[in-house]
Amino acid sequence: MRKLQITNEVTLLGFRGGVLDLEVEIAQPPKAIEEESELVDEILQTNGMTSTGRLFKISVLIVNAAAVTRAGKKRIQLNEQKKAEMEKK
């Protein structure tokens, strides 16, 4: 009832009172990555080990150094596998 009353009062003042009917969407917090294996995979996909900005984009504000180190080692292994496959061809 109060909302309707405010809308009418604003309309009487010459403004668009209908705008007050809008409801602002509340942002939901991002889902935290709890498992370290998922975190390592996400860091690899975004190449997050080279930049704190990339970690922020995947919603990792505090990251375990071991997870970043594992991601780096996994990246090296993947690069070596690709290199070996290229040499076979």
Protein backbone atom coordinates (compact mmCIF):
# COMPACT_ATOMS: atom_id res chain seq x y z
CA MET A 1 0.00 0.00 0.00
CA ARG A 2 2.82 2.38 0.89
CA LYS A 3 4.50 1.72 -2.46
CA LEU A 4 1.34 2.68 -4.34
CA GLN A 5 1.00 5.82 -2.27
CA ILE A 6 4.58 6.88 -3.02
CA THR A 7 4.02 6.19 -6.73
CA ASN A 8 0.95 8.42 -6.73
CA GLU A 9 2.75 11.21 -4.85
CA VAL A 10 5.64 11.19 -7.30
CA THR A 11 3.21 11.20 -10.24
CA LEU A 12 1.46 14.25 -8.78
CA LEU A 13 4.80 16.04 -8.65
CA GLY A 14 5.15 15.58 -12.41
CA PHE A 15 7.59 12.68 -12.44
CA ARG A 16 7.05 9.20 -13.81
CA GLY A 17 5.82 7.30 -10.78
CA GLY A 18 5.59 4.04 -12.69
CA VAL A 19 9.37 3.77 -12.66
CA LEU A 20 9.21 3.06 -8.94
CA ASP A 21 7.53 -0.25 -9.71
CA LEU A 22 10.84 -1.64 -10.96
CA GLU A 23 12.60 -4.11 -8.73
CA VAL A 24 16.35 -4.37 -8.84
CA GLU A 25 17.73 -7.85 -9.28
CA ILE A 26 20.03 -8.87 -6.45
CA ALA A 27 23.30 -10.40 -7.58
CA GLN A 28 24.05 -13.90 -6.35
CA PRO A 29 27.53 -14.64 -5.05
CA PRO A 30 29.57 -16.85 -7.38
CA LYS A 31 29.80 -20.53 -6.57
CA ALA A 32 33.03 -21.31 -4.80
CA ILE A 33 35.20 -24.13 -6.12
CA GLU A 34 35.81 -26.38 -3.15
CA GLU A 35 37.60 -29.39 -4.60
CA GLU A 36 41.23 -28.87 -5.44
CA SER A 37 41.10 -30.99 -8.60
CA GLU A 38 38.30 -28.80 -10.00
CA LEU A 39 40.27 -25.71 -9.03
CA VAL A 40 43.38 -27.00 -10.82
CA ASP A 41 41.33 -27.73 -13.96
CA GLU A 42 39.73 -24.27 -13.87
CA ILE A 43 43.14 -22.62 -13.42
CA LEU A 44 44.44 -24.57 -16.43
CA GLN A 45 41.49 -23.64 -18.62
CA THR A 46 41.82 -19.93 -17.89
CA ASN A 47 45.63 -19.95 -17.66
CA GLY A 48 45.09 -18.38 -14.24
CA MET A 49 48.51 -19.25 -12.89
CA THR A 50 50.05 -16.31 -14.73
CA SER A 51 47.72 -13.57 -13.57
CA THR A 52 45.78 -12.67 -10.44
CA GLY A 53 43.14 -11.00 -12.61
CA ARG A 54 42.32 -14.32 -14.23
CA LEU A 55 41.99 -15.96 -10.83
CA PHE A 56 39.60 -13.19 -9.84
CA LYS A 57 37.47 -13.83 -12.94
CA ILE A 58 36.97 -17.46 -11.92
CA SER A 59 36.00 -16.23 -8.44
CA VAL A 60 39.10 -17.43 -6.67
CA LEU A 61 40.12 -14.72 -4.25
CA ILE A 62 42.41 -16.84 -2.11
CA VAL A 63 44.14 -19.72 -3.82
CA ASN A 64 46.34 -22.39 -2.35
CA ALA A 65 49.87 -22.20 -3.71
CA ALA A 66 49.86 -25.98 -4.10
CA ALA A 67 46.90 -25.76 -6.49
CA VAL A 68 48.71 -23.22 -8.69
CA THR A 69 51.87 -25.33 -8.59
CA ARG A 70 49.93 -28.47 -9.57
CA ALA A 71 48.29 -26.56 -12.39
CA GLY A 72 51.70 -25.43 -13.62
CA LYS A 73 53.09 -28.97 -13.50
CA LYS A 74 50.04 -30.32 -15.29
CA ARG A 75 50.46 -27.63 -17.98
CA ILE A 76 54.09 -28.72 -18.48
CA GLN A 77 53.01 -32.37 -18.79
CA LEU A 78 50.33 -31.49 -21.32
CA ASN A 79 52.82 -29.45 -23.35
CA GLU A 80 55.32 -32.33 -23.31
CA GLN A 81 52.62 -34.76 -24.46
CA LYS A 82 51.65 -32.45 -27.33
CA LYS A 83 55.31 -32.06 -28.26
CA ALA A 84 55.81 -35.86 -28.27
CA GLU A 85 52.72 -36.33 -30.45
CA MET A 86 54.00 -33.70 -32.88
CA GLU A 87 57.39 -35.46 -33.10
CA LYS A 88 55.70 -38.79 -33.86
CA LYS A 89 53.97 -37.29 -36.88
